[in-house]
Amino acid sequence: MTSSTTVLITGVAGYLGTVIAEHFLDAGHRVIGVDNLSFGSAQLNHLCAQDNFNFVREEVRNEAAMATLVKKADVIIPLAAVVGMPACLRDPWLAESVNLEAIRIINRVRSSSQLVIYPNTNSGYGVKSGTSFCTEETPLEPISIYGKTKCQAELELLNSSNTITLRLATVFGMSPRMRLDLLVNHFVYAAVTDGYLVIFEKDFKRNFVHVRDVADCMLHCLTNAPRMIGRPYNVGLESANLSKAELAMKVKEFVPNFYVNFSEVGTDPDKRNYIVSNQRLREAGFEARRTLDIGIPELIKGYRLIGRSPLKNA
């Protein structure tokens, strides 16, 4: 790729998209952002002063519109998705059409010269013991609608030319379009605002990665595409393969009055209990560097900015 590339980012107004667009613009690339703005538009205000940023309000399932937009791009980063098990379960048809059919549209209307960098979820590894590392060779066995649609989209892209897929760990960190349902973000929010948390399946393990490391990883993929194309890569912190209990105790280091109660009051519908190897990505020249010791204080500062909920009296 040239030093200045046109990048089409769908779902640009989302948790990942707002940060990734900023990173690509700061690196000197042109960004065409696409979103239906279902979560509002204010999170994109900081990008409007940049000459290299353009925005189109559109549905990614509109094939005619996407065909026109794709022609303008060198690289496509399809972030638009119905994210997470609860949201997908609420509207399975929407999840299927956005998470899978919209990816098929992009893959159909693009040329073989256009690079796709696609974010999958490492929850696609499904039910594991949590004792042995999942590598990119570990079979994908998703059990939720979210995991199944994302993994099917990844498979179809990898069977096409000029694609790189990234199996993202559970993301954390502040974003202009904040999400509180992600595990680290949720634990820190509970610690700061409520002072307590009840945790089920405390020994179930996850891998974690900062949202800005995800953005940096995508920039690395763009720069190093020739030697990375055609393969999936796990993206996470090797030092952050932690159980829920270990994560809670890490948060407690920064919020000492945080009360944690372990109780079997629920189950994870995705059955996520795995540790992940990021060796392949390290061998490709990239390693996540923003640790939980960096991310947790960042989140604490962010939640102080957000303040109390307008629906609470305290």
Foldseek 3Di string as FASTA:
>chain_A
DDQEFEEEEEPLLAQLNLLLVVVNVVSPYAYEYEYLQPVHDPLCVVVVVRPRYHYDYDDLLPLVVLLVVQVVGQEYEYPDAQDDQVSCVVPVVRRLCRLAVSLVSSVVNHDLRRAYEYEAAPLQLFADDLPDADELPRDGHWDGSRSVSNVVSVVVVLVGHRYEYEHEWQEAADGSNDDCVGLLSVLLLCCQPVLEDEDEPQQFWTFYAYSNLVSVLVVLCVVLVVVRISGYFYAGALVRRGGNNVSNVVLCVVRVSRYYHYDNPDDDPSNHGYHHDRVVSVVSPGHGDQDVVNRSVRSSVVDVVVDDDPVDPD
